[in-house]
Amino acid sequence: MSSCHLSLAKAEFYPQFFRIEAPDPLPEKIITPRRNGTIIVNAAADSSAALLGREPVVIEEGAEPAPAVPAAPVERVLVPAQFGLVPAWVKSASDGRLRALKLVTAKIDSLTTGTAFRDAWLAGQRCIVPLQSFQVDDVRTGKPVPTRITRIDNSPMGAAGVWARWVGEDGEVITSYAIITINANAHALMNRYGHAGNDKTMPAILNEGSYDAWFNAKVNKAKEFLRPYPTEKLRANPVEKGRKQPPAQF
């Protein structure tokens, strides 16, 4: 995947495909690092309380445990967030913004081993990134050709992601996200892209019927949702000539 992705093409796609209201105004069409995109979070999760300005649920010491009840329904909320993760532990906003340029994607293996993403992942700070397409470089001719990956039916996709909330000493807040990527060496379409000798990767596109389950999954089960998206549902097209595009990273 490249360092950019496209936001949803139509306002009606937000309620139609993600059961959320469209933002007003709509985000920029091309989301590049350190620009604001949108993410979907679960407002019913304790991990999202600070992000949404809500008080987390606190159980007093010695209190009787609540009776077991079914898991609460997921409450999907759309949140503006910077593309490129700013970990909560960085010392300054300027340091965070520099790091964000290299933290737009989180490889599945780095979710629990890399310091940049581990805290967010273990805290259950998962999100869905609504996108119309993502970009890769086709280097098979020796010269990079920016190529856009979309669904075959042009419907939006929901990419799995992690989010973070950084708060500075002066009260400045940066909400940010990274898109989770998975190995695509065996993917019939995505194994064509990326540089020779490197492992091929692709965004972890969630199955449309598993969005709520992704939010509700325990941390030790959440990786089970990160699977290659079916080849027959994706299509690749070169980006139109004359359009300036950022270099691909995936």
C-alpha atoms as a PDB file:
ATOM      1  CA  MET A   1       0.000   0.000   0.000  1.00  0.00           C
ATOM      2  CA  SER A   2       1.121   3.519  -0.633  1.00  0.00           C
ATOM      3  CA  SER A   3       1.463   6.446   1.688  1.00  0.00           C
ATOM      4  CA  CYS A   4      -2.011   7.553   0.649  1.00  0.00           C
ATOM      5  CA  HIS A   5      -5.554   6.283   0.430  1.00  0.00           C
ATOM      6  CA  LEU A   6      -8.768   7.743  -0.925  1.00  0.00           C
ATOM      7  CA  SER A   7     -11.667   8.682   1.315  1.00  0.00           C
ATOM      8  CA  LEU A   8     -15.203   7.623   0.443  1.00  0.00           C
ATOM      9  CA  ALA A   9     -16.402   8.974  -2.887  1.00  0.00           C
ATOM     10  CA  LYS A  10     -19.977   9.741  -1.794  1.00  0.00           C
ATOM     11  CA  ALA A  11     -21.542  10.968   1.446  1.00  0.00           C
ATOM     12  CA  GLU A  12     -24.245   8.298   1.251  1.00  0.00           C
ATOM     13  CA  PHE A  13     -21.605   5.565   1.435  1.00  0.00           C
ATOM     14  CA  TYR A  14     -21.066   6.240   5.162  1.00  0.00           C
ATOM     15  CA  PRO A  15     -24.571   5.202   6.278  1.00  0.00           C
ATOM     16  CA  GLN A  16     -24.997   2.671   3.480  1.00  0.00           C
ATOM     17  CA  PHE A  17     -21.855   0.644   4.144  1.00  0.00           C
ATOM     18  CA  PHE A  18     -20.811   1.558   7.698  1.00  0.00           C
ATOM     19  CA  ARG A  19     -24.071   2.562   9.473  1.00  0.00           C
ATOM     20  CA  ILE A  20     -22.711   5.962  10.495  1.00  0.00           C
ATOM     21  CA  GLU A  21     -23.556   9.537   9.566  1.00  0.00           C
ATOM     22  CA  ALA A  22     -21.384  11.192   6.939  1.00  0.00           C
ATOM     23  CA  PRO A  23     -18.997  13.878   8.222  1.00  0.00           C
ATOM     24  CA  ASP A  24     -19.714  17.496   7.365  1.00  0.00           C
ATOM     25  CA  PRO A  25     -17.654  18.628   5.613  1.00  0.00           C
ATOM     26  CA  LEU A  26     -16.394  15.484   3.918  1.00  0.00           C
ATOM     27  CA  PRO A  27     -12.675  14.723   4.348  1.00  0.00           C
ATOM     28  CA  GLU A  28     -10.177  15.488   1.631  1.00  0.00           C
ATOM     29  CA  LYS A  29     -10.274  13.043  -1.264  1.00  0.00           C
ATOM     30  CA  ILE A  30      -6.628  11.936  -0.997  1.00  0.00           C
ATOM     31  CA  ILE A  31      -5.432  11.254   2.548  1.00  0.00           C
ATOM     32  CA  THR A  32      -1.652  11.532   2.840  1.00  0.00           C
ATOM     33  CA  PRO A  33       0.516  11.236   5.984  1.00  0.00           C
ATOM     34  CA  ARG A  34      -0.175  13.875   8.636  1.00  0.00           C
ATOM     35  CA  ARG A  35      -3.418  14.896   6.941  1.00  0.00           C
ATOM     36  CA  ASN A  36      -6.747  14.319   8.654  1.00  0.00           C
ATOM     37  CA  GLY A  37      -8.792  11.335   7.584  1.00  0.00           C
ATOM     38  CA  THR A  38     -11.593   9.629   9.471  1.00  0.00           C
ATOM     39  CA  ILE A  39     -11.748   6.462  11.535  1.00  0.00           C
ATOM     40  CA  ILE A  40     -14.611   4.495  13.047  1.00  0.00           C
ATOM     41  CA  VAL A  41     -14.291   3.567  16.714  1.00  0.00           C
ATOM     42  CA  ASN A  42     -16.526   1.752  19.160  1.00  0.00           C
ATOM     43  CA  ALA A  43     -17.936   4.345  21.533  1.00  0.00           C
ATOM     44  CA  ALA A  44     -19.137   1.583  23.854  1.00  0.00           C
ATOM     45  CA  ALA A  45     -15.554   0.448  24.564  1.00  0.00           C
ATOM     46  CA  ASP A  46     -13.707   1.776  27.614  1.00  0.00           C
ATOM     47  CA  SER A  47     -10.635   2.353  25.432  1.00  0.00           C
ATOM     48  CA  SER A  48     -12.567   5.014  23.484  1.00  0.00           C
ATOM     49  CA  ALA A  49     -13.781   6.986  26.524  1.00  0.00           C
ATOM     50  CA  ALA A  50     -10.970   9.568  26.510  1.00  0.00           C
ATOM     51  CA  LEU A  51     -10.999   9.791  22.725  1.00  0.00           C
ATOM     52  CA  LEU A  52     -14.673  10.758  22.769  1.00  0.00           C
ATOM     53  CA  GLY A  53     -14.547  12.947  25.868  1.00  0.00           C
ATOM     54  CA  ARG A  54     -16.448  10.476  28.025  1.00  0.00           C
ATOM     55  CA  GLU A  55     -15.751   9.279  31.531  1.00  0.00           C
ATOM     56  CA  PRO A  56     -14.523   5.664  31.657  1.00  0.00           C
ATOM     57  CA  VAL A  57     -16.410   3.161  33.789  1.00  0.00           C
ATOM     58  CA  VAL A  58     -14.619   2.771  37.144  1.00  0.00           C
ATOM     59  CA  ILE A  59     -15.418  -0.103  39.503  1.00  0.00           C
ATOM     60  CA  GLU A  60     -14.696   0.804  43.122  1.00  0.00           C
ATOM     61  CA  GLU A  61     -12.493  -1.506  45.144  1.00  0.00           C
ATOM     62  CA  GLY A  62     -14.543  -4.027  47.098  1.00  0.00           C
ATOM     63  CA  ALA A  63     -17.670  -3.467  45.052  1.00  0.00           C
ATOM     64  CA  GLU A  64     -19.760  -6.462  44.143  1.00  0.00           C
ATOM     65  CA  PRO A  65     -19.029  -7.630  40.588  1.00  0.00           C
ATOM     66  CA  ALA A  66     -21.793  -6.913  38.116  1.00  0.00           C
ATOM     67  CA  PRO A  67     -23.833  -9.907  36.988  1.00  0.00           C
ATOM     68  CA  ALA A  68     -22.786 -11.437  33.699  1.00  0.00           C
ATOM     69  CA  VAL A  69     -24.649  -9.878  30.782  1.00  0.00           C
ATOM     70  CA  PRO A  70     -24.324 -10.232  27.030  1.00  0.00           C
ATOM     71  CA  ALA A  71     -21.754  -8.003  25.371  1.00  0.00           C
ATOM     72  CA  ALA A  72     -23.086  -4.504  24.793  1.00  0.00           C
ATOM     73  CA  PRO A  73     -23.959  -3.632  21.213  1.00  0.00           C
ATOM     74  CA  VAL A  74     -21.245  -1.786  19.350  1.00  0.00           C
ATOM     75  CA  GLU A  75     -21.785   1.960  19.016  1.00  0.00           C
ATOM     76  CA  ARG A  76     -19.969   3.091  15.883  1.00  0.00           C
ATOM     77  CA  VAL A  77     -18.710   6.675  15.901  1.00  0.00           C
ATOM     78  CA  LEU A  78     -16.783   8.500  13.171  1.00  0.00           C
ATOM     79  CA  VAL A  79     -13.792  10.453  14.473  1.00  0.00           C
ATOM     80  CA  PRO A  80     -11.411  12.789  12.604  1.00  0.00           C
ATOM     81  CA  ALA A  81      -7.840  11.590  13.006  1.00  0.00           C
ATOM     82  CA  GLN A  82      -4.404  12.180  11.556  1.00  0.00           C
ATOM     83  CA  PHE A  83      -3.067   9.529   9.175  1.00  0.00           C
ATOM     84  CA  GLY A  84       0.205   8.364  10.720  1.00  0.00           C
ATOM     85  CA  LEU A  85       0.337   7.219  14.335  1.00  0.00           C
ATOM     86  CA  VAL A  86       1.639   9.489  17.096  1.00  0.00           C
ATOM     87  CA  PRO A  87       2.370   7.177  20.050  1.00  0.00           C
ATOM     88  CA  ALA A  88       1.125   8.395  23.420  1.00  0.00           C
ATOM     89  CA  TRP A  89       4.674   8.329  24.852  1.00  0.00           C
ATOM     90  CA  VAL A  90       6.376  10.778  22.472  1.00  0.00           C
ATOM     91  CA  LYS A  91       7.763  13.875  24.187  1.00  0.00           C
ATOM     92  CA  SER A  92       6.535  16.605  21.861  1.00  0.00           C
ATOM     93  CA  ALA A  93       4.096  17.269  19.041  1.00  0.00           C
ATOM     94  CA  SER A  94       6.954  17.984  16.640  1.00  0.00           C
ATOM     95  CA  ASP A  95       8.574  14.636  17.471  1.00  0.00           C
ATOM     96  CA  GLY A  96       5.242  12.902  17.031  1.00  0.00           C
ATOM     97  CA  ARG A  97       4.625  14.459  13.649  1.00  0.00           C
ATOM     98  CA  LEU A  98       8.061  13.384  12.434  1.00  0.00           C
ATOM     99  CA  ARG A  99       7.422   9.822  13.596  1.00  0.00           C
ATOM    100  CA  ALA A 100       3.985   9.826  11.966  1.00  0.00           C
ATOM    101  CA  LEU A 101       5.538   9.927   8.492  1.00  0.00           C
ATOM    102  CA  LYS A 102       6.918   6.410   9.069  1.00  0.00           C
ATOM    103  CA  LEU A 103       4.005   5.083  11.122  1.00  0.00           C
ATOM    104  CA  VAL A 104       1.198   5.120   8.557  1.00  0.00           C
ATOM    105  CA  THR A 105       1.116   1.320   8.461  1.00  0.00           C
ATOM    106  CA  ALA A 106       1.492  -1.308  11.159  1.00  0.00           C
ATOM    107  CA  LYS A 107       2.622  -4.739  10.022  1.00  0.00           C
ATOM    108  CA  ILE A 108       0.714  -7.461  11.799  1.00  0.00           C
ATOM    109  CA  ASP A 109       3.877  -8.802  13.446  1.00  0.00           C
ATOM    110  CA  SER A 110       4.777  -5.376  14.873  1.00  0.00           C
ATOM    111  CA  LEU A 111       1.464  -4.994  16.707  1.00  0.00           C
ATOM    112  CA  THR A 112       2.836  -6.808  19.741  1.00  0.00           C
ATOM    113  CA  THR A 113       6.591  -6.456  19.215  1.00  0.00           C
ATOM    114  CA  GLY A 114       7.073  -2.855  18.045  1.00  0.00           C
ATOM    115  CA  THR A 115       7.066  -0.087  20.639  1.00  0.00           C
ATOM    116  CA  ALA A 116       5.189   2.266  18.284  1.00  0.00           C
ATOM    117  CA  PHE A 117       2.015   0.158  18.095  1.00  0.00           C
ATOM    118  CA  ARG A 118       2.118  -2.234  21.065  1.00  0.00           C
ATOM    119  CA  ASP A 119       0.431  -0.010  23.654  1.00  0.00           C
ATOM    120  CA  ALA A 120      -2.452   0.863  21.338  1.00  0.00           C
ATOM    121  CA  TRP A 121      -2.960  -2.751  20.308  1.00  0.00           C
ATOM    122  CA  LEU A 122      -2.880  -4.187  23.823  1.00  0.00           C
ATOM    123  CA  ALA A 123      -5.285  -1.473  25.012  1.00  0.00           C
ATOM    124  CA  GLY A 124      -7.796  -2.565  22.390  1.00  0.00           C
ATOM    125  CA  GLN A 125      -7.562   0.736  20.502  1.00  0.00           C
ATOM    126  CA  ARG A 126      -8.771  -0.771  17.238  1.00  0.00           C
ATOM    127  CA  CYS A 127     -10.545   1.135  14.511  1.00  0.00           C
ATOM    128  CA  ILE A 128     -11.938   0.781  11.016  1.00  0.00           C
ATOM    129  CA  VAL A 129     -10.590   3.076   8.298  1.00  0.00           C
ATOM    130  CA  PRO A 130     -13.245   3.691   5.635  1.00  0.00           C
ATOM    131  CA  LEU A 131     -11.535   4.027   2.268  1.00  0.00           C
ATOM    132  CA  GLN A 132     -12.461   4.003  -1.380  1.00  0.00           C
ATOM    133  CA  SER A 133      -9.109   2.682  -2.576  1.00  0.00           C
ATOM    134  CA  PHE A 134      -5.437   2.382  -1.702  1.00  0.00           C
ATOM    135  CA  GLN A 135      -2.361   2.823  -3.841  1.00  0.00           C
ATOM    136  CA  VAL A 136       0.611   0.606  -4.669  1.00  0.00           C
ATOM    137  CA  ASP A 137       3.570   0.866  -7.044  1.00  0.00           C
ATOM    138  CA  ASP A 138       3.782  -1.531  -9.988  1.00  0.00           C
ATOM    139  CA  VAL A 139       7.525  -1.889 -10.572  1.00  0.00           C
ATOM    140  CA  ARG A 140       7.480  -4.872 -12.926  1.00  0.00           C
ATOM    141  CA  THR A 141       8.644  -2.721 -15.852  1.00  0.00           C
ATOM    142  CA  GLY A 142      11.500  -1.253 -13.828  1.00  0.00           C
ATOM    143  CA  LYS A 143       9.764   2.103 -13.439  1.00  0.00           C
ATOM    144  CA  PRO A 144       7.197   2.628 -10.645  1.00  0.00           C
ATOM    145  CA  VAL A 145       3.663   2.940 -11.987  1.00  0.00           C
ATOM    146  CA  PRO A 146       1.212   4.243  -9.354  1.00  0.00           C
ATOM    147  CA  THR A 147      -1.672   1.799  -9.282  1.00  0.00           C
ATOM    148  CA  ARG A 148      -4.977   2.115  -7.475  1.00  0.00           C
ATOM    149  CA  ILE A 149      -6.594  -0.902  -5.832  1.00  0.00           C
ATOM    150  CA  THR A 150     -10.370  -0.826  -5.520  1.00  0.00           C
ATOM    151  CA  ARG A 151     -13.150  -3.304  -5.009  1.00  0.00           C
ATOM    152  CA  ILE A 152     -14.422  -4.817  -8.232  1.00  0.00           C
ATOM    153  CA  ASP A 153     -17.870  -3.294  -7.581  1.00  0.00           C
ATOM    154  CA  ASN A 154     -16.413   0.103  -6.520  1.00  0.00           C
ATOM    155  CA  SER A 155     -17.903  -0.244  -3.039  1.00  0.00           C
ATOM    156  CA  PRO A 156     -15.917   1.163  -0.093  1.00  0.00           C
ATOM    157  CA  MET A 157     -13.618  -0.964   2.028  1.00  0.00           C
ATOM    158  CA  GLY A 158     -13.105  -1.012   5.779  1.00  0.00           C
ATOM    159  CA  ALA A 159      -9.428  -1.410   6.655  1.00  0.00           C
ATOM    160  CA  ALA A 160      -8.378  -2.578  10.102  1.00  0.00           C
ATOM    161  CA  GLY A 161      -6.370  -0.024  12.036  1.00  0.00           C
ATOM    162  CA  VAL A 162      -5.076   1.077  15.412  1.00  0.00           C
ATOM    163  CA  TRP A 163      -5.448   4.547  16.897  1.00  0.00           C
ATOM    164  CA  ALA A 164      -3.668   6.595  19.546  1.00  0.00           C
ATOM    165  CA  ARG A 165      -4.354   9.795  21.489  1.00  0.00           C
ATOM    166  CA  TRP A 166      -1.396  12.005  22.355  1.00  0.00           C
ATOM    167  CA  VAL A 167      -1.803  14.810  24.905  1.00  0.00           C
ATOM    168  CA  GLY A 168       0.880  17.464  25.328  1.00  0.00           C
ATOM    169  CA  GLU A 169       1.764  19.356  28.489  1.00  0.00           C
ATOM    170  CA  ASP A 170       0.001  22.412  27.085  1.00  0.00           C
ATOM    171  CA  GLY A 171      -3.162  20.429  26.457  1.00  0.00           C
ATOM    172  CA  GLU A 172      -2.654  19.917  22.723  1.00  0.00           C
ATOM    173  CA  VAL A 173      -4.300  16.688  21.554  1.00  0.00           C
ATOM    174  CA  ILE A 174      -3.413  14.641  18.478  1.00  0.00           C
ATOM    175  CA  THR A 175      -5.660  11.728  17.562  1.00  0.00           C
ATOM    176  CA  SER A 176      -4.008   9.524  14.957  1.00  0.00           C
ATOM    177  CA  TYR A 177      -4.168   6.142  13.289  1.00  0.00           C
ATOM    178  CA  ALA A 178      -2.250   3.581  11.274  1.00  0.00           C
ATOM    179  CA  ILE A 179      -3.580   0.980   8.859  1.00  0.00           C
ATOM    180  CA  ILE A 180      -2.713  -2.635   9.696  1.00  0.00           C
ATOM    181  CA  THR A 181      -0.996  -4.583   6.913  1.00  0.00           C
ATOM    182  CA  ILE A 182      -0.584  -8.307   6.361  1.00  0.00           C
ATOM    183  CA  ASN A 183       1.640 -10.521   4.231  1.00  0.00           C
ATOM    184  CA  ALA A 184       0.511 -10.807   0.603  1.00  0.00           C
ATOM    185  CA  ASN A 185       3.201 -13.084  -0.851  1.00  0.00           C
ATOM    186  CA  ALA A 186       0.549 -15.689  -1.674  1.00  0.00           C
ATOM    187  CA  HIS A 187      -2.127 -13.240  -2.816  1.00  0.00           C
ATOM    188  CA  ALA A 188      -2.805 -13.669  -6.524  1.00  0.00           C
ATOM    189  CA  LEU A 189      -3.205  -9.917  -7.114  1.00  0.00           C
ATOM    190  CA  MET A 190      -1.156  -8.134  -4.465  1.00  0.00           C
ATOM    191  CA  ASN A 191       1.937 -10.313  -4.904  1.00  0.00           C
ATOM    192  CA  ARG A 192       2.564  -8.439  -8.177  1.00  0.00           C
ATOM    193  CA  TYR A 193       3.336  -5.178  -6.427  1.00  0.00           C
ATOM    194  CA  GLY A 194       6.131  -3.872  -4.290  1.00  0.00           C
ATOM    195  CA  HIS A 195       9.866  -4.151  -4.831  1.00  0.00           C
ATOM    196  CA  ALA A 196      11.577  -7.423  -5.697  1.00  0.00           C
ATOM    197  CA  GLY A 197      13.183  -9.158  -2.750  1.00  0.00           C
ATOM    198  CA  ASN A 198      10.809  -7.613  -0.228  1.00  0.00           C
ATOM    199  CA  ASP A 199       7.836  -9.319   1.329  1.00  0.00           C
ATOM    200  CA  LYS A 200       4.627  -8.172  -0.336  1.00  0.00           C
ATOM    201  CA  THR A 201       2.020  -6.606   1.930  1.00  0.00           C
ATOM    202  CA  MET A 202      -1.533  -5.316   1.726  1.00  0.00           C
ATOM    203  CA  PRO A 203      -4.002  -3.618   4.074  1.00  0.00           C
ATOM    204  CA  ALA A 204      -6.038  -5.924   6.268  1.00  0.00           C
ATOM    205  CA  ILE A 205      -9.458  -5.340   4.704  1.00  0.00           C
ATOM    206  CA  LEU A 206     -12.182  -6.531   7.042  1.00  0.00           C
ATOM    207  CA  ASN A 207     -15.122  -8.614   5.912  1.00  0.00           C
ATOM    208  CA  GLU A 208     -18.164  -6.344   5.824  1.00  0.00           C
ATOM    209  CA  GLY A 209     -20.089  -8.618   8.159  1.00  0.00           C
ATOM    210  CA  SER A 210     -17.369  -8.706  10.820  1.00  0.00           C
ATOM    211  CA  TYR A 211     -17.040  -5.025  11.748  1.00  0.00           C
ATOM    212  CA  ASP A 212     -18.761  -5.311  15.129  1.00  0.00           C
ATOM    213  CA  ALA A 213     -17.023  -8.593  15.913  1.00  0.00           C
ATOM    214  CA  TRP A 214     -13.663  -6.901  15.199  1.00  0.00           C
ATOM    215  CA  PHE A 215     -14.461  -4.273  17.814  1.00  0.00           C
ATOM    216  CA  ASN A 216     -15.699  -6.776  20.391  1.00  0.00           C
ATOM    217  CA  ALA A 217     -12.915  -9.338  19.984  1.00  0.00           C
ATOM    218  CA  LYS A 218     -10.518  -9.961  22.852  1.00  0.00           C
ATOM    219  CA  VAL A 219      -6.972  -8.827  22.160  1.00  0.00           C
ATOM    220  CA  ASN A 220      -5.708 -12.395  21.878  1.00  0.00           C
ATOM    221  CA  LYS A 221      -8.360 -13.159  19.241  1.00  0.00           C
ATOM    222  CA  ALA A 222      -8.342  -9.930  17.222  1.00  0.00           C
ATOM    223  CA  LYS A 223      -5.572 -11.016  14.836  1.00  0.00           C
ATOM    224  CA  GLU A 224      -7.873 -13.739  13.531  1.00  0.00           C
ATOM    225  CA  PHE A 225      -9.747 -11.001  11.627  1.00  0.00           C
ATOM    226  CA  LEU A 226      -6.609  -9.892   9.765  1.00  0.00           C
ATOM    227  CA  ARG A 227      -6.769 -12.005   6.630  1.00  0.00           C
ATOM    228  CA  PRO A 228      -6.077 -11.400   2.916  1.00  0.00           C
ATOM    229  CA  TYR A 229      -9.074  -9.956   1.093  1.00  0.00           C
ATOM    230  CA  PRO A 230     -10.315 -12.253  -1.705  1.00  0.00           C
ATOM    231  CA  THR A 231      -8.511 -11.655  -4.998  1.00  0.00           C
ATOM    232  CA  GLU A 232     -11.704 -11.910  -7.026  1.00  0.00           C
ATOM    233  CA  LYS A 233     -13.189  -8.934  -5.167  1.00  0.00           C
ATOM    234  CA  LEU A 234     -10.332  -6.534  -6.006  1.00  0.00           C
ATOM    235  CA  ARG A 235      -9.293  -4.692  -9.138  1.00  0.00           C
ATOM    236  CA  ALA A 236      -6.097  -2.785 -10.061  1.00  0.00           C
ATOM    237  CA  ASN A 237      -5.925   0.239 -12.366  1.00  0.00           C
ATOM    238  CA  PRO A 238      -3.005   2.575 -13.125  1.00  0.00           C
ATOM    239  CA  VAL A 239      -3.502   6.085 -11.722  1.00  0.00           C
ATOM    240  CA  GLU A 240      -4.392   8.591 -14.419  1.00  0.00           C
ATOM    241  CA  LYS A 241      -1.359  10.302 -15.934  1.00  0.00           C
ATOM    242  CA  GLY A 242      -0.824  13.911 -15.002  1.00  0.00           C
ATOM    243  CA  ARG A 243      -1.922  13.467 -11.399  1.00  0.00           C
ATOM    244  CA  LYS A 244       0.807  14.044  -8.870  1.00  0.00           C
ATOM    245  CA  GLN A 245       0.913  11.111  -6.485  1.00  0.00           C
ATOM    246  CA  PRO A 246       3.030  10.415  -3.389  1.00  0.00           C
ATOM    247  CA  PRO A 247       5.487   7.485  -3.646  1.00  0.00           C
ATOM    248  CA  ALA A 248       4.161   4.090  -2.600  1.00  0.00           C
ATOM    249  CA  GLN A 249       5.380   2.434   0.605  1.00  0.00           C
ATOM    250  CA  PHE A 250       3.588  -0.912   0.797  1.00  0.00           C
END
